[in-house]
C-alpha atoms as a PDB file:
ATOM      1  CA  MET A   1      16.767  23.954   0.771  1.00  0.00           C
ATOM      2  CA  ILE A   2      17.319  21.511   3.662  1.00  0.00           C
ATOM      3  CA  ILE A   3      15.707  24.036   6.003  1.00  0.00           C
ATOM      4  CA  LEU A   4      12.466  23.562   4.012  1.00  0.00           C
ATOM      5  CA  PHE A   5      12.540  19.756   3.819  1.00  0.00           C
ATOM      6  CA  VAL A   6      12.252  18.990   7.557  1.00  0.00           C
ATOM      7  CA  PRO A   7       9.238  21.299   8.206  1.00  0.00           C
ATOM      8  CA  ALA A   8       7.559  19.807   5.122  1.00  0.00           C
ATOM      9  CA  MET A   9       7.949  16.301   6.541  1.00  0.00           C
ATOM     10  CA  LEU A  10       6.597  17.315   9.951  1.00  0.00           C
ATOM     11  CA  LEU A  11       3.634  19.146   8.382  1.00  0.00           C
ATOM     12  CA  GLY A  12       2.836  16.146   6.190  1.00  0.00           C
ATOM     13  CA  PHE A  13       3.026  13.686   9.084  1.00  0.00           C
ATOM     14  CA  GLY A  14       0.707  15.831  11.206  1.00  0.00           C
ATOM     15  CA  GLY A  15      -1.864  16.088   8.439  1.00  0.00           C
ATOM     16  CA  MET A  16      -1.855  12.320   7.962  1.00  0.00           C
ATOM     17  CA  VAL A  17      -2.454  11.634  11.651  1.00  0.00           C
ATOM     18  CA  LEU A  18      -5.435  13.977  11.902  1.00  0.00           C
ATOM     19  CA  ALA A  19      -7.059  12.984   8.604  1.00  0.00           C
ATOM     20  CA  SER A  20      -6.612   9.247   9.179  1.00  0.00           C
ATOM     21  CA  ARG A  21      -8.680   9.370  12.358  1.00  0.00           C
ATOM     22  CA  ARG A  22     -11.610  10.872  10.474  1.00  0.00           C
ATOM     23  CA  ALA A  23     -11.197   8.329   7.684  1.00  0.00           C
ATOM     24  CA  VAL A  24     -11.275   5.403  10.126  1.00  0.00           C
ATOM     25  CA  ALA A  25     -14.464   6.629  11.791  1.00  0.00           C
ATOM     26  CA  SER A  26     -16.295   7.253   8.514  1.00  0.00           C
ATOM     27  CA  ALA A  27     -15.104   4.069   6.793  1.00  0.00           C
ATOM     28  CA  THR A  28     -16.072   1.925   9.781  1.00  0.00           C
ATOM     29  CA  ASP A  29     -19.600   3.376   9.741  1.00  0.00           C
ATOM     30  CA  LEU A  30     -19.763   2.920   5.968  1.00  0.00           C
ATOM     31  CA  ALA A  31     -18.797  -0.756   6.186  1.00  0.00           C
ATOM     32  CA  ALA A  32     -21.184  -1.411   9.073  1.00  0.00           C
ATOM     33  CA  GLY A  33     -24.087   0.129   7.221  1.00  0.00           C
ATOM     34  CA  THR A  34     -23.767  -1.832   3.991  1.00  0.00           C
ATOM     35  CA  GLN A  35     -23.584  -5.404   2.749  1.00  0.00           C
ATOM     36  CA  ILE A  36     -19.903  -4.932   1.849  1.00  0.00           C
ATOM     37  CA  PRO A  37     -17.481  -6.825   4.141  1.00  0.00           C
ATOM     38  CA  PRO A  38     -14.963  -4.664   6.048  1.00  0.00           C
ATOM     39  CA  PHE A  39     -12.022  -6.553   4.538  1.00  0.00           C
ATOM     40  CA  PHE A  40     -13.197  -5.729   0.995  1.00  0.00           C
ATOM     41  CA  VAL A  41     -13.751  -2.083   1.953  1.00  0.00           C
ATOM     42  CA  GLY A  42     -10.146  -2.144   3.169  1.00  0.00           C
ATOM     43  CA  ILE A  43      -8.631  -3.596  -0.005  1.00  0.00           C
ATOM     44  CA  THR A  44     -10.563  -1.269  -2.345  1.00  0.00           C
ATOM     45  CA  LEU A  45     -11.838   2.062  -0.990  1.00  0.00           C
ATOM     46  CA  LEU A  46      -9.235   2.436   1.741  1.00  0.00           C
ATOM     47  CA  ALA A  47      -6.362   0.854  -0.180  1.00  0.00           C
ATOM     48  CA  ILE A  48      -6.788   3.233  -3.109  1.00  0.00           C
ATOM     49  CA  GLY A  49      -7.310   6.168  -0.758  1.00  0.00           C
ATOM     50  CA  THR A  50      -4.180   5.518   1.268  1.00  0.00           C
ATOM     51  CA  ASP A  51      -2.308   4.684  -1.949  1.00  0.00           C
ATOM     52  CA  LEU A  52      -2.977   8.101  -3.477  1.00  0.00           C
ATOM     53  CA  PRO A  53       0.668   9.130  -2.867  1.00  0.00           C
ATOM     54  CA  GLU A  54       1.972   6.100  -4.800  1.00  0.00           C
ATOM     55  CA  ILE A  55      -0.553   6.620  -7.598  1.00  0.00           C
ATOM     56  CA  ALA A  56       0.234  10.342  -7.854  1.00  0.00           C
ATOM     57  CA  ASN A  57       3.966   9.644  -7.708  1.00  0.00           C
ATOM     58  CA  SER A  58       3.674   7.009 -10.452  1.00  0.00           C
ATOM     59  CA  ILE A  59       1.990   9.486 -12.786  1.00  0.00           C
ATOM     60  CA  ALA A  60       4.338  12.377 -11.998  1.00  0.00           C
ATOM     61  CA  ALA A  61       7.475  10.236 -12.272  1.00  0.00           C
ATOM     62  CA  ALA A  62       6.425   8.599 -15.544  1.00  0.00           C
ATOM     63  CA  VAL A  63       5.458  11.901 -17.152  1.00  0.00           C
ATOM     64  CA  SER A  64       8.769  13.461 -16.100  1.00  0.00           C
ATOM     65  CA  GLY A  65      10.787  10.483 -17.339  1.00  0.00           C
ATOM     66  CA  HIS A  66      11.770   9.031 -13.946  1.00  0.00           C
ATOM     67  CA  GLY A  67      10.410   5.518 -14.322  1.00  0.00           C
ATOM     68  CA  ASP A  68      12.792   4.088 -11.735  1.00  0.00           C
ATOM     69  CA  VAL A  69      11.312   6.346  -9.053  1.00  0.00           C
ATOM     70  CA  ALA A  70       7.760   5.304  -9.939  1.00  0.00           C
ATOM     71  CA  VAL A  71       8.425   1.553 -10.011  1.00  0.00           C
ATOM     72  CA  GLY A  72      10.856   1.705  -7.099  1.00  0.00           C
ATOM     73  CA  ASP A  73       8.258   3.479  -4.970  1.00  0.00           C
ATOM     74  CA  ALA A  74       5.500   1.043  -5.952  1.00  0.00           C
ATOM     75  CA  VAL A  75       7.500  -2.168  -5.439  1.00  0.00           C
ATOM     76  CA  GLY A  76       9.162  -0.747  -2.341  1.00  0.00           C
ATOM     77  CA  SER A  77       5.753   0.151  -0.930  1.00  0.00           C
ATOM     78  CA  VAL A  78       4.602  -3.455  -1.369  1.00  0.00           C
ATOM     79  CA  VAL A  79       7.527  -4.583   0.771  1.00  0.00           C
ATOM     80  CA  THR A  80       7.211  -1.723   3.258  1.00  0.00           C
ATOM     81  CA  GLN A  81       3.493  -2.246   3.839  1.00  0.00           C
ATOM     82  CA  SER A  82       3.504  -6.038   4.003  1.00  0.00           C
ATOM     83  CA  THR A  83       6.542  -6.284   6.291  1.00  0.00           C
ATOM     84  CA  LEU A  84       7.337  -2.996   8.049  1.00  0.00           C
ATOM     85  CA  VAL A  85       3.773  -1.663   8.445  1.00  0.00           C
ATOM     86  CA  LEU A  86       2.215  -5.073   9.131  1.00  0.00           C
ATOM     87  CA  GLY A  87       5.093  -5.918  11.460  1.00  0.00           C
ATOM     88  CA  LEU A  88       4.678  -2.725  13.475  1.00  0.00           C
ATOM     89  CA  LEU A  89       0.903  -3.149  13.915  1.00  0.00           C
ATOM     90  CA  PRO A  90       0.987  -5.606  16.856  1.00  0.00           C
ATOM     91  CA  LEU A  91       3.892  -3.740  18.424  1.00  0.00           C
ATOM     92  CA  LEU A  92       2.061  -0.403  18.321  1.00  0.00           C
ATOM     93  CA  ALA A  93      -1.568  -1.505  18.706  1.00  0.00           C
ATOM     94  CA  GLY A  94      -1.478  -4.949  20.340  1.00  0.00           C
ATOM     95  CA  ALA A  95      -2.088  -8.524  19.137  1.00  0.00           C
ATOM     96  CA  LEU A  96      -4.831  -9.008  16.569  1.00  0.00           C
ATOM     97  CA  VAL A  97      -6.711 -11.839  14.868  1.00  0.00           C
ATOM     98  CA  VAL A  98      -6.273 -11.946  11.083  1.00  0.00           C
ATOM     99  CA  PRO A  99      -9.541 -12.228   9.040  1.00  0.00           C
ATOM    100  CA  ALA A 100     -10.172 -15.787   7.866  1.00  0.00           C
ATOM    101  CA  ARG A 101     -11.096 -14.830   4.294  1.00  0.00           C
ATOM    102  CA  GLY A 102      -9.423 -12.548   1.792  1.00  0.00           C
ATOM    103  CA  VAL A 103      -5.787 -12.666   2.925  1.00  0.00           C
ATOM    104  CA  GLY A 104      -4.867 -15.706   0.800  1.00  0.00           C
ATOM    105  CA  PRO A 105      -6.276 -14.555  -2.549  1.00  0.00           C
ATOM    106  CA  THR A 106      -5.106 -10.969  -2.006  1.00  0.00           C
ATOM    107  CA  GLY A 107      -1.574 -12.181  -1.319  1.00  0.00           C
ATOM    108  CA  ALA A 108      -1.681 -14.519  -4.323  1.00  0.00           C
ATOM    109  CA  PHE A 109      -2.765 -11.766  -6.724  1.00  0.00           C
ATOM    110  CA  THR A 110      -0.133  -9.416  -5.291  1.00  0.00           C
ATOM    111  CA  VAL A 111       2.544 -12.031  -5.969  1.00  0.00           C
ATOM    112  CA  ALA A 112       1.148 -12.386  -9.506  1.00  0.00           C
ATOM    113  CA  GLY A 113       1.331  -8.628  -9.961  1.00  0.00           C
ATOM    114  CA  LEU A 114       4.961  -8.529  -8.843  1.00  0.00           C
ATOM    115  CA  GLY A 115       5.788 -11.396 -11.197  1.00  0.00           C
ATOM    116  CA  ALA A 116       4.205  -9.449 -14.028  1.00  0.00           C
ATOM    117  CA  VAL A 117       6.247  -6.352 -13.116  1.00  0.00           C
ATOM    118  CA  ALA A 118       9.470  -8.389 -13.222  1.00  0.00           C
ATOM    119  CA  LEU A 119       8.554  -9.919 -16.565  1.00  0.00           C
ATOM    120  CA  LEU A 120       7.286  -6.746 -18.232  1.00  0.00           C
ATOM    121  CA  ALA A 121      10.197  -4.599 -17.029  1.00  0.00           C
ATOM    122  CA  SER A 122      12.883  -7.096 -18.059  1.00  0.00           C
ATOM    123  CA  ASP A 123      13.340  -5.314 -21.408  1.00  0.00           C
ATOM    124  CA  GLY A 124      13.984  -1.962 -19.717  1.00  0.00           C
ATOM    125  CA  THR A 125      10.651  -0.349 -20.601  1.00  0.00           C
ATOM    126  CA  ILE A 126       7.068  -0.357 -19.345  1.00  0.00           C
ATOM    127  CA  GLY A 127       4.715   0.590 -22.165  1.00  0.00           C
ATOM    128  CA  ARG A 128       0.962   1.022 -22.414  1.00  0.00           C
ATOM    129  CA  PRO A 129       0.249  -2.689 -23.158  1.00  0.00           C
ATOM    130  CA  ASP A 130       2.322  -3.590 -20.075  1.00  0.00           C
ATOM    131  CA  ALA A 131       0.412  -1.040 -18.008  1.00  0.00           C
ATOM    132  CA  LEU A 132      -2.945  -2.372 -19.212  1.00  0.00           C
ATOM    133  CA  ALA A 133      -1.890  -5.902 -18.252  1.00  0.00           C
ATOM    134  CA  LEU A 134      -1.036  -4.778 -14.704  1.00  0.00           C
ATOM    135  CA  ILE A 135      -4.306  -2.877 -14.307  1.00  0.00           C
ATOM    136  CA  ALA A 136      -6.223  -5.906 -15.660  1.00  0.00           C
ATOM    137  CA  ILE A 137      -4.678  -8.056 -12.911  1.00  0.00           C
ATOM    138  CA  TRP A 138      -5.956  -5.544 -10.347  1.00  0.00           C
ATOM    139  CA  VAL A 139      -9.490  -5.553 -11.786  1.00  0.00           C
ATOM    140  CA  ILE A 140      -9.705  -9.360 -12.050  1.00  0.00           C
ATOM    141  CA  GLY A 141      -8.171  -9.833  -8.612  1.00  0.00           C
ATOM    142  CA  SER A 142     -10.601  -7.382  -7.003  1.00  0.00           C
ATOM    143  CA  VAL A 143     -13.577  -9.262  -8.452  1.00  0.00           C
ATOM    144  CA  VAL A 144     -12.264 -12.632  -7.234  1.00  0.00           C
ATOM    145  CA  ILE A 145     -11.437 -11.273  -3.769  1.00  0.00           C
ATOM    146  CA  TYR A 146     -14.888  -9.706  -3.476  1.00  0.00           C
ATOM    147  CA  ARG A 147     -16.536 -13.056  -4.212  1.00  0.00           C
ATOM    148  CA  GLN A 148     -14.298 -14.766  -1.670  1.00  0.00           C
ATOM    149  CA  THR A 149     -14.951 -12.270   1.121  1.00  0.00           C
ATOM    150  CA  THR A 150     -18.724 -12.036   0.595  1.00  0.00           C
ATOM    151  CA  ARG A 151     -19.234 -15.795   0.871  1.00  0.00           C
ATOM    152  CA  ASN A 152     -20.940 -16.233   4.237  1.00  0.00           C
ATOM    153  CA  GLN A 153     -19.451 -12.924   5.347  1.00  0.00           C
ATOM    154  CA  GLN A 154     -22.306 -10.458   4.841  1.00  0.00           C
ATOM    155  CA  LEU A 155     -22.723  -7.748   7.441  1.00  0.00           C
ATOM    156  CA  VAL A 156     -25.995  -7.131   9.211  1.00  0.00           C
ATOM    157  CA  MET A 157     -27.569  -3.806   8.324  1.00  0.00           C
ATOM    158  CA  SER A 158     -27.387  -1.306  11.142  1.00  0.00           C
ATOM    159  CA  GLU A 159     -29.226   1.904  11.859  1.00  0.00           C
ATOM    160  CA  ARG A 160     -27.310   4.975  10.697  1.00  0.00           C
ATOM    161  CA  THR A 161     -27.623   8.591  11.726  1.00  0.00           C
ATOM    162  CA  THR A 162     -25.587   9.676   8.693  1.00  0.00           C
ATOM    163  CA  SER A 163     -26.435   8.916   5.071  1.00  0.00           C
ATOM    164  CA  ARG A 164     -24.314   6.406   3.180  1.00  0.00           C
ATOM    165  CA  LEU A 165     -23.397   8.996   0.550  1.00  0.00           C
ATOM    166  CA  ARG A 166     -22.202  11.447   3.174  1.00  0.00           C
ATOM    167  CA  LEU A 167     -20.120   8.741   4.855  1.00  0.00           C
ATOM    168  CA  ALA A 168     -18.508   7.835   1.537  1.00  0.00           C
ATOM    169  CA  VAL A 169     -17.769  11.472   0.691  1.00  0.00           C
ATOM    170  CA  THR A 170     -16.350  12.100   4.164  1.00  0.00           C
ATOM    171  CA  THR A 171     -14.145   9.013   3.919  1.00  0.00           C
ATOM    172  CA  LEU A 172     -12.810   9.971   0.493  1.00  0.00           C
ATOM    173  CA  ALA A 173     -12.243  13.582   1.544  1.00  0.00           C
ATOM    174  CA  ALA A 174     -10.308  12.520   4.630  1.00  0.00           C
ATOM    175  CA  LEU A 175      -8.254  10.067   2.589  1.00  0.00           C
ATOM    176  CA  ALA A 176      -7.535  12.813   0.064  1.00  0.00           C
ATOM    177  CA  VAL A 177      -6.119  14.944   2.872  1.00  0.00           C
ATOM    178  CA  VAL A 178      -4.028  11.937   3.931  1.00  0.00           C
ATOM    179  CA  GLY A 179      -2.727  11.620   0.385  1.00  0.00           C
ATOM    180  CA  VAL A 180      -1.913  15.320  -0.004  1.00  0.00           C
ATOM    181  CA  SER A 181      -0.197  15.380   3.383  1.00  0.00           C
ATOM    182  CA  ALA A 182       1.857  12.355   2.406  1.00  0.00           C
ATOM    183  CA  MET A 183       2.938  14.100  -0.798  1.00  0.00           C
ATOM    184  CA  VAL A 184       4.166  17.067   1.239  1.00  0.00           C
ATOM    185  CA  ALA A 185       6.094  14.734   3.542  1.00  0.00           C
ATOM    186  CA  LEU A 186       7.436  12.822   0.539  1.00  0.00           C
ATOM    187  CA  TRP A 187       8.772  16.017  -1.034  1.00  0.00           C
ATOM    188  CA  GLY A 188      10.823  16.628   2.084  1.00  0.00           C
ATOM    189  CA  ILE A 189      12.030  13.018   2.324  1.00  0.00           C
ATOM    190  CA  VAL A 190      13.077  12.725  -1.319  1.00  0.00           C
ATOM    191  CA  GLY A 191      14.716  16.165  -1.203  1.00  0.00           C
ATOM    192  CA  LEU A 192      16.974  14.993   1.595  1.00  0.00           C
ATOM    193  CA  ALA A 193      17.600  11.586  -0.001  1.00  0.00           C
ATOM    194  CA  GLU A 194      18.692  13.003  -3.352  1.00  0.00           C
ATOM    195  CA  ALA A 195      21.608  14.655  -1.617  1.00  0.00           C
ATOM    196  CA  LEU A 196      23.024  11.147  -1.169  1.00  0.00           C
ATOM    197  CA  ASP A 197      23.250  10.734  -4.975  1.00  0.00           C
ATOM    198  CA  ALA A 198      21.807   7.195  -4.819  1.00  0.00           C
ATOM    199  CA  PRO A 199      20.198   5.372  -7.810  1.00  0.00           C
ATOM    200  CA  GLU A 200      16.628   6.548  -8.385  1.00  0.00           C
ATOM    201  CA  PHE A 201      15.195   3.033  -8.013  1.00  0.00           C
ATOM    202  CA  LEU A 202      16.794   2.619  -4.584  1.00  0.00           C
ATOM    203  CA  ILE A 203      15.616   6.083  -3.503  1.00  0.00           C
ATOM    204  CA  GLY A 204      12.105   5.075  -4.543  1.00  0.00           C
ATOM    205  CA  PHE A 205      12.347   1.636  -2.942  1.00  0.00           C
ATOM    206  CA  PHE A 206      13.782   2.592   0.451  1.00  0.00           C
ATOM    207  CA  VAL A 207      12.971   6.281   0.923  1.00  0.00           C
ATOM    208  CA  ALA A 208       9.935   7.249  -1.135  1.00  0.00           C
ATOM    209  CA  SER A 209       8.139   4.020  -0.191  1.00  0.00           C
ATOM    210  CA  ILE A 210       8.411   4.826   3.510  1.00  0.00           C
ATOM    211  CA  GLY A 211       7.021   8.299   2.934  1.00  0.00           C
ATOM    212  CA  THR A 212       4.141   7.097   0.782  1.00  0.00           C
ATOM    213  CA  SER A 213       3.395   4.186   3.151  1.00  0.00           C
ATOM    214  CA  LEU A 214       2.957   6.438   6.173  1.00  0.00           C
ATOM    215  CA  PRO A 215      -0.805   6.837   5.504  1.00  0.00           C
ATOM    216  CA  GLU A 216      -1.208   3.045   5.766  1.00  0.00           C
ATOM    217  CA  LEU A 217       0.761   2.895   9.014  1.00  0.00           C
ATOM    218  CA  VAL A 218      -1.107   5.787  10.653  1.00  0.00           C
ATOM    219  CA  PHE A 219      -4.498   4.627   9.380  1.00  0.00           C
ATOM    220  CA  ASP A 220      -4.034   0.956  10.286  1.00  0.00           C
ATOM    221  CA  VAL A 221      -2.706   1.567  13.794  1.00  0.00           C
ATOM    222  CA  THR A 222      -5.681   3.850  14.450  1.00  0.00           C
ATOM    223  CA  ALA A 223      -8.084   1.283  12.984  1.00  0.00           C
ATOM    224  CA  VAL A 224      -6.732  -1.601  15.106  1.00  0.00           C
ATOM    225  CA  ARG A 225      -6.895   0.485  18.267  1.00  0.00           C
ATOM    226  CA  ARG A 226     -10.557   1.204  17.497  1.00  0.00           C
ATOM    227  CA  GLY A 227     -11.338  -2.459  16.891  1.00  0.00           C
ATOM    228  CA  ALA A 228     -11.558  -2.281  13.087  1.00  0.00           C
ATOM    229  CA  VAL A 229      -9.030  -5.086  12.526  1.00  0.00           C
ATOM    230  CA  ALA A 230     -10.523  -6.315   9.232  1.00  0.00           C
ATOM    231  CA  LEU A 231     -10.330  -2.812   7.776  1.00  0.00           C
ATOM    232  CA  ALA A 232      -6.685  -2.504   8.849  1.00  0.00           C
ATOM    233  CA  ILE A 233      -5.553  -5.865   7.481  1.00  0.00           C
ATOM    234  CA  GLY A 234      -7.587  -5.311   4.330  1.00  0.00           C
ATOM    235  CA  ASP A 235      -5.922  -1.936   3.854  1.00  0.00           C
ATOM    236  CA  VAL A 236      -2.394  -3.355   4.301  1.00  0.00           C
ATOM    237  CA  MET A 237      -2.954  -6.271   1.930  1.00  0.00           C
ATOM    238  CA  GLY A 238      -5.038  -4.227  -0.503  1.00  0.00           C
ATOM    239  CA  SER A 239      -2.487  -1.413  -0.636  1.00  0.00           C
ATOM    240  CA  SER A 240       0.219  -3.926  -1.494  1.00  0.00           C
ATOM    241  CA  PHE A 241      -2.018  -5.326  -4.237  1.00  0.00           C
ATOM    242  CA  VAL A 242      -2.758  -1.839  -5.589  1.00  0.00           C
ATOM    243  CA  ASP A 243       0.947  -0.968  -5.566  1.00  0.00           C
ATOM    244  CA  SER A 244       2.003  -4.072  -7.497  1.00  0.00           C
ATOM    245  CA  THR A 245      -0.615  -3.510 -10.189  1.00  0.00           C
ATOM    246  CA  LEU A 246      -2.631  -0.280 -10.426  1.00  0.00           C
ATOM    247  CA  ALA A 247      -0.031   2.120  -8.987  1.00  0.00           C
ATOM    248  CA  THR A 248       2.763   0.594 -11.083  1.00  0.00           C
ATOM    249  CA  GLY A 249       0.695   0.651 -14.264  1.00  0.00           C
ATOM    250  CA  ILE A 250      -1.135   3.972 -14.049  1.00  0.00           C
ATOM    251  CA  GLY A 251       1.927   6.130 -14.796  1.00  0.00           C
ATOM    252  CA  PRO A 252       3.195   4.178 -17.841  1.00  0.00           C
ATOM    253  CA  LEU A 253      -0.375   4.020 -19.143  1.00  0.00           C
ATOM    254  CA  ILE A 254      -0.232   7.792 -19.498  1.00  0.00           C
ATOM    255  CA  ALA A 255       3.444   8.048 -20.426  1.00  0.00           C
ATOM    256  CA  PRO A 256       5.442   4.891 -21.257  1.00  0.00           C
ATOM    257  CA  THR A 257       8.732   4.966 -19.384  1.00  0.00           C
ATOM    258  CA  GLU A 258      12.178   3.398 -19.235  1.00  0.00           C
ATOM    259  CA  VAL A 259      13.468   1.600 -16.136  1.00  0.00           C
ATOM    260  CA  THR A 260      16.696   0.003 -14.959  1.00  0.00           C
ATOM    261  CA  ALA A 261      15.788  -3.599 -15.755  1.00  0.00           C
ATOM    262  CA  ASP A 262      18.221  -5.424 -13.455  1.00  0.00           C
ATOM    263  CA  LEU A 263      17.245  -3.427 -10.354  1.00  0.00           C
ATOM    264  CA  VAL A 264      13.498  -3.645 -11.056  1.00  0.00           C
ATOM    265  CA  VAL A 265      13.597  -7.391 -11.731  1.00  0.00           C
ATOM    266  CA  LYS A 266      15.751  -8.044  -8.656  1.00  0.00           C
ATOM    267  CA  GLY A 267      13.501  -5.928  -6.440  1.00  0.00           C
ATOM    268  CA  ALA A 268      10.252  -7.407  -7.779  1.00  0.00           C
ATOM    269  CA  LEU A 269      11.430 -11.015  -7.435  1.00  0.00           C
ATOM    270  CA  ALA A 270      12.643 -10.409  -3.876  1.00  0.00           C
ATOM    271  CA  ALA A 271       9.295  -8.777  -3.073  1.00  0.00           C
ATOM    272  CA  MET A 272       7.495 -11.848  -4.473  1.00  0.00           C
ATOM    273  CA  VAL A 273       9.343 -14.104  -2.043  1.00  0.00           C
ATOM    274  CA  ALA A 274       8.597 -11.788   0.871  1.00  0.00           C
ATOM    275  CA  LEU A 275       4.893 -11.556  -0.038  1.00  0.00           C
ATOM    276  CA  ALA A 276       4.600 -15.327  -0.298  1.00  0.00           C
ATOM    277  CA  ILE A 277       6.133 -15.725   3.175  1.00  0.00           C
ATOM    278  CA  VAL A 278       3.910 -13.020   4.663  1.00  0.00           C
ATOM    279  CA  THR A 279       0.745 -14.477   3.114  1.00  0.00           C
ATOM    280  CA  VAL A 280       1.446 -18.012   4.348  1.00  0.00           C
ATOM    281  CA  MET A 281       2.315 -16.697   7.807  1.00  0.00           C
ATOM    282  CA  MET A 282      -0.851 -14.621   8.103  1.00  0.00           C
ATOM    283  CA  ARG A 283      -2.930 -17.620   7.011  1.00  0.00           C
ATOM    284  CA  ARG A 284      -1.319 -20.012   9.482  1.00  0.00           C
ATOM    285  CA  VAL A 285      -0.851 -18.128  12.756  1.00  0.00           C
ATOM    286  CA  PRO A 286      -3.790 -17.976  15.213  1.00  0.00           C
ATOM    287  CA  GLN A 287      -3.045 -14.322  15.901  1.00  0.00           C
ATOM    288  CA  HIS A 288      -0.617 -11.652  14.748  1.00  0.00           C
ATOM    289  CA  ASP A 289       1.437 -10.590  17.780  1.00  0.00           C
ATOM    290  CA  TRP A 290       4.912  -9.309  18.671  1.00  0.00           C
ATOM    291  CA  ARG A 291       6.539 -12.576  17.589  1.00  0.00           C
ATOM    292  CA  THR A 292       5.182 -12.554  14.027  1.00  0.00           C
ATOM    293  CA  GLY A 293       5.672  -8.794  13.954  1.00  0.00           C
ATOM    294  CA  THR A 294       9.364  -9.206  14.751  1.00  0.00           C
ATOM    295  CA  ILE A 295       9.731 -11.785  11.963  1.00  0.00           C
ATOM    296  CA  LEU A 296       8.189  -9.358   9.453  1.00  0.00           C
ATOM    297  CA  LEU A 297      10.523  -6.569  10.558  1.00  0.00           C
ATOM    298  CA  GLY A 298      13.424  -8.980  10.055  1.00  0.00           C
ATOM    299  CA  ILE A 299      12.241  -9.681   6.498  1.00  0.00           C
ATOM    300  CA  TYR A 300      12.128  -5.948   5.805  1.00  0.00           C
ATOM    301  CA  ALA A 301      15.668  -5.502   7.133  1.00  0.00           C
ATOM    302  CA  THR A 302      16.843  -8.299   4.815  1.00  0.00           C
ATOM    303  CA  PHE A 303      15.986  -6.169   1.787  1.00  0.00           C
ATOM    304  CA  PHE A 304      18.761  -3.746   2.665  1.00  0.00           C
ATOM    305  CA  VAL A 305      21.212  -6.616   2.265  1.00  0.00           C
ATOM    306  CA  VAL A 306      19.553  -8.035  -0.874  1.00  0.00           C
ATOM    307  CA  LEU A 307      19.368  -4.773  -2.829  1.00  0.00           C
ATOM    308  CA  LEU A 308      22.302  -2.794  -1.475  1.00  0.00           C
ATOM    309  CA  VAL A 309      24.954  -5.527  -1.646  1.00  0.00           C
END
């Protein structure tokens, strides 16, 4: 079977690269042609689109009775995106200025979502009421963030050669290809990782999360290189928010699942600390460059010590 896993990963990675470029172009035009701020487009439309692998994995894992994989992937993706992906951005695409609005409240609601995951999973199960609570945090947070980002942040309408509906459909279609490609890559990654006979939560946290976070990395590097910094940062922060709430809750909403309480609580609390540090840092620094990027990569590396020791 190993001979199938590596080609699957390569095929998935290639599909993500090609589809992400189309998504960036369409989403940028969509944001420029509406009254919706780019940052909010990033934390909603793009975040959900690039989080399709986590959402699909949450549903599949919960239905099949592998709750640790679902929650491990979701919480691990929060850490991976906010430290590894965000840390690699300035190293791969150059220094960038973080949007003034949106980062603080998005980070705060993500921390709240992680706290809720730790609390709700402490009894070893995530049921439908727990799932509804997590999804409610996502809905409320999205409304608050929208109000924050639209305050004195409206975009000027621009002339478009393509209809808004067509741009939206093109963006969603491209993001769907990104998601499907990531699932193919994830199948190969998890297939190789299971040979190590590691706990499912740790496989989800360290292995599956990297596979499902590849769309964010590919998309955001492409976006920054094309000057769409607000979309990129919004996607990173929004994806982390989606993972800690919607992606974690969607699976148990369909099929309540059991989890390993001590690992989930430990991982979620550690992720809360990391998110708080990342949010404060992004709010304080004048620009995100190789120095802040290196710090974020160091935080990501720390998780190997925290969870594996």
